[in-house]
Amino acid sequence: MQTVYSVEMLLPDDKLPGYYAQIVKGIADVVTLIDRDKTMLFVKSGEDADAIEAFTAKYKVQCERGTWLRLDEPGWHPNPQLFTDYGIITRSDNHFLDLQLAAVVSFSASSPDAELASALEQASEHALADLTTEDGRKLIAVDRHQVELMEGIARAYRCHAELIL
């Protein structure tokens, strides 16, 4: 699970297609891109995002920034019905979840009488993506407005839910 940054270039409509390619080529000389999706560029750090914005300012291109979760660990299972409402799947088949819209909650059994399987079954109805960690916790990505719902589900089944991101 890796937090990454995006810079979406808001390109003027009156420019030729080669204009965008020229900008991206110049950006690649300044920072290392993790991936891209149309005019959205993904980088590892806020400093890299700053560098892109400084570079594109020379071309009078406005930008919007974002913070994303890269689901790069094996075992993440995106929900095909919901994921693209909250994230992007790039041409390179990388999955990025928008952290302005989504949150990640960790579920674990908090007592011997916890009903973790039942809690997970109910929570999975709201999952954008999920992952079982090596230590047995279940990470569930949900709409950011559903974090309290996840905490309530955990309490109802005597489990523990913790907001991770």
C-alpha atoms as a PDB file:
ATOM      1  CA  MET A   1       0.000   0.000   0.000  1.00  0.00           C
ATOM      2  CA  GLN A   2       1.650   3.169  -1.163  1.00  0.00           C
ATOM      3  CA  THR A   3       0.388   6.742  -0.945  1.00  0.00           C
ATOM      4  CA  VAL A   4       1.181   8.621  -4.148  1.00  0.00           C
ATOM      5  CA  TYR A   5       0.408  12.040  -5.552  1.00  0.00           C
ATOM      6  CA  SER A   6      -1.248  13.119  -8.751  1.00  0.00           C
ATOM      7  CA  VAL A   7      -1.081  16.207 -10.861  1.00  0.00           C
ATOM      8  CA  GLU A   8      -3.860  16.573 -13.391  1.00  0.00           C
ATOM      9  CA  MET A   9      -3.006  19.002 -16.148  1.00  0.00           C
ATOM     10  CA  LEU A  10      -5.930  21.152 -17.248  1.00  0.00           C
ATOM     11  CA  LEU A  11      -4.915  21.669 -20.852  1.00  0.00           C
ATOM     12  CA  PRO A  12      -6.345  24.460 -22.991  1.00  0.00           C
ATOM     13  CA  ASP A  13      -8.727  23.224 -25.705  1.00  0.00           C
ATOM     14  CA  ASP A  14      -7.059  25.247 -28.442  1.00  0.00           C
ATOM     15  CA  LYS A  15      -3.700  23.407 -28.391  1.00  0.00           C
ATOM     16  CA  LEU A  16      -2.522  20.785 -30.886  1.00  0.00           C
ATOM     17  CA  PRO A  17      -2.092  17.141 -29.722  1.00  0.00           C
ATOM     18  CA  GLY A  18       1.709  17.434 -29.852  1.00  0.00           C
ATOM     19  CA  TYR A  19       1.554  20.183 -27.218  1.00  0.00           C
ATOM     20  CA  TYR A  20       0.644  17.689 -24.486  1.00  0.00           C
ATOM     21  CA  ALA A  21       3.301  15.213 -25.636  1.00  0.00           C
ATOM     22  CA  GLN A  22       5.934  17.965 -25.496  1.00  0.00           C
ATOM     23  CA  ILE A  23       4.961  18.831 -21.913  1.00  0.00           C
ATOM     24  CA  VAL A  24       4.985  15.187 -20.759  1.00  0.00           C
ATOM     25  CA  LYS A  25       8.396  14.645 -22.355  1.00  0.00           C
ATOM     26  CA  GLY A  26       9.741  17.668 -20.492  1.00  0.00           C
ATOM     27  CA  ILE A  27       8.203  16.481 -17.223  1.00  0.00           C
ATOM     28  CA  ALA A  28       9.871  13.071 -17.659  1.00  0.00           C
ATOM     29  CA  ASP A  29      13.218  14.903 -17.705  1.00  0.00           C
ATOM     30  CA  VAL A  30      12.378  16.562 -14.359  1.00  0.00           C
ATOM     31  CA  VAL A  31      10.724  13.752 -12.329  1.00  0.00           C
ATOM     32  CA  THR A  32      10.117  10.020 -12.542  1.00  0.00           C
ATOM     33  CA  LEU A  33       6.476   9.239 -13.255  1.00  0.00           C
ATOM     34  CA  ILE A  34       4.959   6.192 -11.580  1.00  0.00           C
ATOM     35  CA  ASP A  35       2.169   6.083 -14.143  1.00  0.00           C
ATOM     36  CA  ARG A  36      -0.247   8.298 -16.022  1.00  0.00           C
ATOM     37  CA  ASP A  37      -3.843   8.248 -17.166  1.00  0.00           C
ATOM     38  CA  LYS A  38      -4.645  10.744 -19.909  1.00  0.00           C
ATOM     39  CA  THR A  39      -3.723  14.127 -18.367  1.00  0.00           C
ATOM     40  CA  MET A  40      -3.310  12.713 -14.834  1.00  0.00           C
ATOM     41  CA  LEU A  41       0.307  12.096 -13.805  1.00  0.00           C
ATOM     42  CA  PHE A  42       1.227   9.975 -10.751  1.00  0.00           C
ATOM     43  CA  VAL A  43       4.418  10.596  -8.759  1.00  0.00           C
ATOM     44  CA  LYS A  44       5.944   9.331  -5.505  1.00  0.00           C
ATOM     45  CA  SER A  45       6.200  12.561  -3.525  1.00  0.00           C
ATOM     46  CA  GLY A  46       4.723  15.969  -2.967  1.00  0.00           C
ATOM     47  CA  GLU A  47       8.066  17.430  -4.048  1.00  0.00           C
ATOM     48  CA  ASP A  48       7.727  15.698  -7.424  1.00  0.00           C
ATOM     49  CA  ALA A  49       4.203  17.123  -7.743  1.00  0.00           C
ATOM     50  CA  ASP A  50       5.604  20.593  -6.937  1.00  0.00           C
ATOM     51  CA  ALA A  51       8.230  20.136  -9.669  1.00  0.00           C
ATOM     52  CA  ILE A  52       5.551  19.223 -12.219  1.00  0.00           C
ATOM     53  CA  GLU A  53       3.477  22.268 -11.313  1.00  0.00           C
ATOM     54  CA  ALA A  54       6.532  24.522 -11.629  1.00  0.00           C
ATOM     55  CA  PHE A  55       7.362  23.009 -15.023  1.00  0.00           C
ATOM     56  CA  THR A  56       3.819  23.274 -16.402  1.00  0.00           C
ATOM     57  CA  ALA A  57       3.539  26.886 -15.223  1.00  0.00           C
ATOM     58  CA  LYS A  58       6.046  27.763 -17.969  1.00  0.00           C
ATOM     59  CA  TYR A  59       3.449  26.530 -20.469  1.00  0.00           C
ATOM     60  CA  LYS A  60       0.623  28.345 -18.650  1.00  0.00           C
ATOM     61  CA  VAL A  61      -1.050  25.012 -17.857  1.00  0.00           C
ATOM     62  CA  GLN A  62      -3.121  24.918 -14.681  1.00  0.00           C
ATOM     63  CA  CYS A  63      -3.004  21.807 -12.507  1.00  0.00           C
ATOM     64  CA  GLU A  64      -5.050  20.077  -9.828  1.00  0.00           C
ATOM     65  CA  ARG A  65      -3.369  17.878  -7.229  1.00  0.00           C
ATOM     66  CA  GLY A  66      -4.585  14.761  -5.505  1.00  0.00           C
ATOM     67  CA  THR A  67      -3.524  12.090  -3.045  1.00  0.00           C
ATOM     68  CA  TRP A  68      -4.054   8.476  -4.011  1.00  0.00           C
ATOM     69  CA  LEU A  69      -3.505   4.999  -2.669  1.00  0.00           C
ATOM     70  CA  ARG A  70      -1.693   2.714  -5.070  1.00  0.00           C
ATOM     71  CA  LEU A  71      -3.022  -0.805  -4.620  1.00  0.00           C
ATOM     72  CA  ASP A  72       0.225  -2.427  -5.673  1.00  0.00           C
ATOM     73  CA  GLU A  73       0.426  -5.237  -3.122  1.00  0.00           C
ATOM     74  CA  PRO A  74      -0.650  -8.661  -4.379  1.00  0.00           C
ATOM     75  CA  GLY A  75      -3.937  -9.658  -2.819  1.00  0.00           C
ATOM     76  CA  TRP A  76      -5.913  -6.449  -3.233  1.00  0.00           C
ATOM     77  CA  HIS A  77      -9.301  -7.294  -4.712  1.00  0.00           C
ATOM     78  CA  PRO A  78     -11.027  -4.273  -6.273  1.00  0.00           C
ATOM     79  CA  ASN A  79     -14.811  -4.408  -6.457  1.00  0.00           C
ATOM     80  CA  PRO A  80     -15.491  -4.161 -10.217  1.00  0.00           C
ATOM     81  CA  GLN A  81     -18.914  -2.558  -9.664  1.00  0.00           C
ATOM     82  CA  LEU A  82     -17.651   0.291  -7.461  1.00  0.00           C
ATOM     83  CA  PHE A  83     -13.909   0.788  -7.841  1.00  0.00           C
ATOM     84  CA  THR A  84     -13.900   3.132 -10.837  1.00  0.00           C
ATOM     85  CA  ASP A  85     -16.312   5.503  -9.068  1.00  0.00           C
ATOM     86  CA  TYR A  86     -13.522   6.124  -6.528  1.00  0.00           C
ATOM     87  CA  GLY A  87     -10.355   5.295  -8.404  1.00  0.00           C
ATOM     88  CA  ILE A  88      -8.550   4.796 -11.674  1.00  0.00           C
ATOM     89  CA  ILE A  89      -7.258   1.719 -13.454  1.00  0.00           C
ATOM     90  CA  THR A  90      -4.515   2.863 -15.821  1.00  0.00           C
ATOM     91  CA  ARG A  91      -3.493   1.343 -19.139  1.00  0.00           C
ATOM     92  CA  SER A  92      -0.584  -0.235 -17.245  1.00  0.00           C
ATOM     93  CA  ASP A  93      -3.207  -1.992 -15.061  1.00  0.00           C
ATOM     94  CA  ASN A  94      -2.215  -0.048 -11.942  1.00  0.00           C
ATOM     95  CA  HIS A  95      -5.048   0.612  -9.509  1.00  0.00           C
ATOM     96  CA  PHE A  96      -5.159   4.001  -7.768  1.00  0.00           C
ATOM     97  CA  LEU A  97      -7.808   4.890  -5.167  1.00  0.00           C
ATOM     98  CA  ASP A  98      -8.610   8.592  -4.589  1.00  0.00           C
ATOM     99  CA  LEU A  99      -8.038   9.348  -0.889  1.00  0.00           C
ATOM    100  CA  GLN A 100     -10.282  12.421  -1.059  1.00  0.00           C
ATOM    101  CA  LEU A 101     -13.174  10.034  -1.674  1.00  0.00           C
ATOM    102  CA  ALA A 102     -12.096   6.780  -0.031  1.00  0.00           C
ATOM    103  CA  ALA A 103     -10.647   5.549   3.254  1.00  0.00           C
ATOM    104  CA  VAL A 104      -9.060   2.285   4.362  1.00  0.00           C
ATOM    105  CA  VAL A 105     -10.315   0.583   7.518  1.00  0.00           C
ATOM    106  CA  SER A 106      -8.609  -2.344   9.248  1.00  0.00           C
ATOM    107  CA  PHE A 107     -10.804  -5.046  10.799  1.00  0.00           C
ATOM    108  CA  SER A 108      -9.546  -7.462  13.465  1.00  0.00           C
ATOM    109  CA  ALA A 109     -10.990  -9.660  16.197  1.00  0.00           C
ATOM    110  CA  SER A 110     -10.809  -7.786  19.513  1.00  0.00           C
ATOM    111  CA  SER A 111     -11.927 -10.612  21.794  1.00  0.00           C
ATOM    112  CA  PRO A 112     -12.259 -14.401  21.772  1.00  0.00           C
ATOM    113  CA  ASP A 113     -16.024 -14.115  21.193  1.00  0.00           C
ATOM    114  CA  ALA A 114     -15.641 -11.745  18.232  1.00  0.00           C
ATOM    115  CA  GLU A 115     -17.538 -12.685  15.077  1.00  0.00           C
ATOM    116  CA  LEU A 116     -14.980 -11.425  12.577  1.00  0.00           C
ATOM    117  CA  ALA A 117     -16.305 -13.467   9.648  1.00  0.00           C
ATOM    118  CA  SER A 118     -19.809 -12.021  10.088  1.00  0.00           C
ATOM    119  CA  ALA A 119     -18.465  -8.478  10.445  1.00  0.00           C
ATOM    120  CA  LEU A 120     -16.387  -8.869   7.291  1.00  0.00           C
ATOM    121  CA  GLU A 121     -19.322 -10.297   5.366  1.00  0.00           C
ATOM    122  CA  GLN A 122     -21.457  -7.278   6.204  1.00  0.00           C
ATOM    123  CA  ALA A 123     -18.618  -4.764   5.668  1.00  0.00           C
ATOM    124  CA  SER A 124     -17.730  -6.288   2.297  1.00  0.00           C
ATOM    125  CA  GLU A 125     -21.086  -5.113   0.926  1.00  0.00           C
ATOM    126  CA  HIS A 126     -19.591  -1.595   0.993  1.00  0.00           C
ATOM    127  CA  ALA A 127     -16.040  -2.471  -0.086  1.00  0.00           C
ATOM    128  CA  LEU A 128     -14.349  -0.665  -2.956  1.00  0.00           C
ATOM    129  CA  ALA A 129     -11.408  -3.057  -2.537  1.00  0.00           C
ATOM    130  CA  ASP A 130     -10.120  -5.399   0.163  1.00  0.00           C
ATOM    131  CA  LEU A 131      -6.906  -7.091   1.263  1.00  0.00           C
ATOM    132  CA  THR A 132      -6.063  -9.737   3.860  1.00  0.00           C
ATOM    133  CA  THR A 133      -2.715  -8.889   5.476  1.00  0.00           C
ATOM    134  CA  GLU A 134      -0.043 -11.364   6.579  1.00  0.00           C
ATOM    135  CA  ASP A 135      -1.008 -10.819  10.237  1.00  0.00           C
ATOM    136  CA  GLY A 136      -4.644 -11.758   9.521  1.00  0.00           C
ATOM    137  CA  ARG A 137      -6.175  -8.287   9.525  1.00  0.00           C
ATOM    138  CA  LYS A 138      -8.597  -7.413   6.783  1.00  0.00           C
ATOM    139  CA  LEU A 139      -8.174  -4.028   5.116  1.00  0.00           C
ATOM    140  CA  ILE A 140     -11.297  -2.693   3.461  1.00  0.00           C
ATOM    141  CA  ALA A 141     -11.383   0.434   1.302  1.00  0.00           C
ATOM    142  CA  VAL A 142     -14.735   2.208   1.571  1.00  0.00           C
ATOM    143  CA  ASP A 143     -16.336   5.541   0.764  1.00  0.00           C
ATOM    144  CA  ARG A 144     -14.860   8.066   3.218  1.00  0.00           C
ATOM    145  CA  HIS A 145     -18.380   8.808   4.510  1.00  0.00           C
ATOM    146  CA  GLN A 146     -18.837   5.164   5.538  1.00  0.00           C
ATOM    147  CA  VAL A 147     -16.035   4.966   8.119  1.00  0.00           C
ATOM    148  CA  GLU A 148     -18.487   5.358  11.011  1.00  0.00           C
ATOM    149  CA  LEU A 149     -20.645   2.636   9.483  1.00  0.00           C
ATOM    150  CA  MET A 150     -17.609   0.312   9.426  1.00  0.00           C
ATOM    151  CA  GLU A 151     -16.888   1.113  13.079  1.00  0.00           C
ATOM    152  CA  GLY A 152     -20.515   0.340  13.945  1.00  0.00           C
ATOM    153  CA  ILE A 153     -20.391  -2.994  12.105  1.00  0.00           C
ATOM    154  CA  ALA A 154     -17.211  -3.886  13.988  1.00  0.00           C
ATOM    155  CA  ARG A 155     -18.777  -3.036  17.370  1.00  0.00           C
ATOM    156  CA  ALA A 156     -21.910  -5.053  16.588  1.00  0.00           C
ATOM    157  CA  TYR A 157     -19.768  -8.164  16.083  1.00  0.00           C
ATOM    158  CA  ARG A 158     -17.334  -7.425  18.946  1.00  0.00           C
ATOM    159  CA  CYS A 159     -14.506  -6.625  16.550  1.00  0.00           C
ATOM    160  CA  HIS A 160     -12.116  -3.718  16.195  1.00  0.00           C
ATOM    161  CA  ALA A 161     -12.120  -1.316  13.237  1.00  0.00           C
ATOM    162  CA  GLU A 162      -9.314   1.198  12.817  1.00  0.00           C
ATOM    163  CA  LEU A 163      -9.009   3.957  10.242  1.00  0.00           C
ATOM    164  CA  ILE A 164      -5.689   3.382   8.447  1.00  0.00           C
ATOM    165  CA  LEU A 165      -5.906   6.048   5.713  1.00  0.00           C
END
